[in-house]
């Protein structure tokens, strides 16, 4: 759960209506939440981090997996238990399109529904004196700069959504039915938003889409991601650019050379592969084979030696035998990827995989997840220990959430919110959040590194 603590408006005392916004799901959802936040603040509403003060409560939901929907239901339940008596609850996001009837049955007190493609209608929800909805046929929202957006992340990093929807048809996934077909922004529009973020003092900009590699293909264009990156690199200012969600079938030599060509592009790729056995990959309707995946990894390692690769893997897909699973375990041990997210297969209604033969029992999925996580933890420990004694350029995120005596930082191979970080025992020093420092790694702590600051960059 991500609760957005926005900065109060200077003239907020002139208005009585306060709202509390909760954003669930991925960074793409967070960008939509930031658009709603910006629209409401522009209209004079005041954001409060305290639920007890709120006249309106917005929950921007995610419906990707049953676990996501369960989180949404639990969150809404807690809101109705804890909100002040007359506060109005507004539900937005893809749960509205995907399971609105169940939401109505479970929570008849919901004031208004805003569809996942209708983020810009949030003011209508606030101003409506009666219960209602703004739900169009649009399944996703792609803000194009003309609508205000309030960044909710720390000021030094922000997400930039360059596309929505998906053109792939993986057997386990319902994103195309939830978010609709692929829609990409123009290169010019992305560049305008990119420069606007730099103008606001953002240093690290994280490009996001369901699959960055499909950028522009809805317009019949190929190689558009490389073209976009080359255009971004014409900007003379200093920054970090990070790429999230780039499928292996979209990584070609041109893209690798483009990433390699400028040190401002972080040596980092989030490359979902889901499995490594050819039979399972075929059943999943993935477009890559084991040989292609391992070949891409090897090429990335050769061309960008300091690259950090993150991936996601699914255990318990229908038909996955112990032999298939052991192949996955061996892959994790051999490839030594820096970050791996491990998920149990979720038989989502309307997905092709939900009705496949050979469904794996839940307790067996759990066992496989634990075995694979244990194997990956050994890899992480070995990878992290190799950093001891090295000096890295790292950005200071701020005070560590567990202690104000510690600082949290990240090097270029660590993405905010999802990866490990560098723990620094230097909180007493005058150290600026959002600035780069040279950090020497002295030890490891699980997924995290421990370091000390040597000098400011």
Foldseek 3Di string as FASTA:
>chain_A
DDWFAADWDPPLVVDQAEETEAEDDDQQSVQLVQLLVFQCVVVNYTYHNDQARHLEYEYAADDWFPVRVVVVVVVVVVSVVPHDDNRAYEYEYLCCVVPVVVVCVVCVRHQEYEYQQRSVCVVVSVPDPGRYYDHDPQQHHDDQPPGDGGARAPLQEGEDEFKEADDAAFQQTDRCVRHNHIDGDDLVSSLVVVVVSVVSVHAEYEYDYQALLCHPVVVVDHPVSLVSLVVNVVDPDHHAYEYEHHELVSDDPSNLVSLLVDPSHQLEYEYADAFADQVVCVNRVHDDHNVSVVVSLVVSCVSPVPHAYEYEYEPQQAPCDPVRLVVRLVCLLPSLHQYYHYYYRGLDPPRNRVPDHRGDDPVVSVVSSVVSVVSNLVSNQVVQVVQAFPKAKWAWQAQDPVDLQWTWIAGSHADPPGAATEIERPNVDPDDHSFIFIWHFHAADRRYTYTYTDGGD
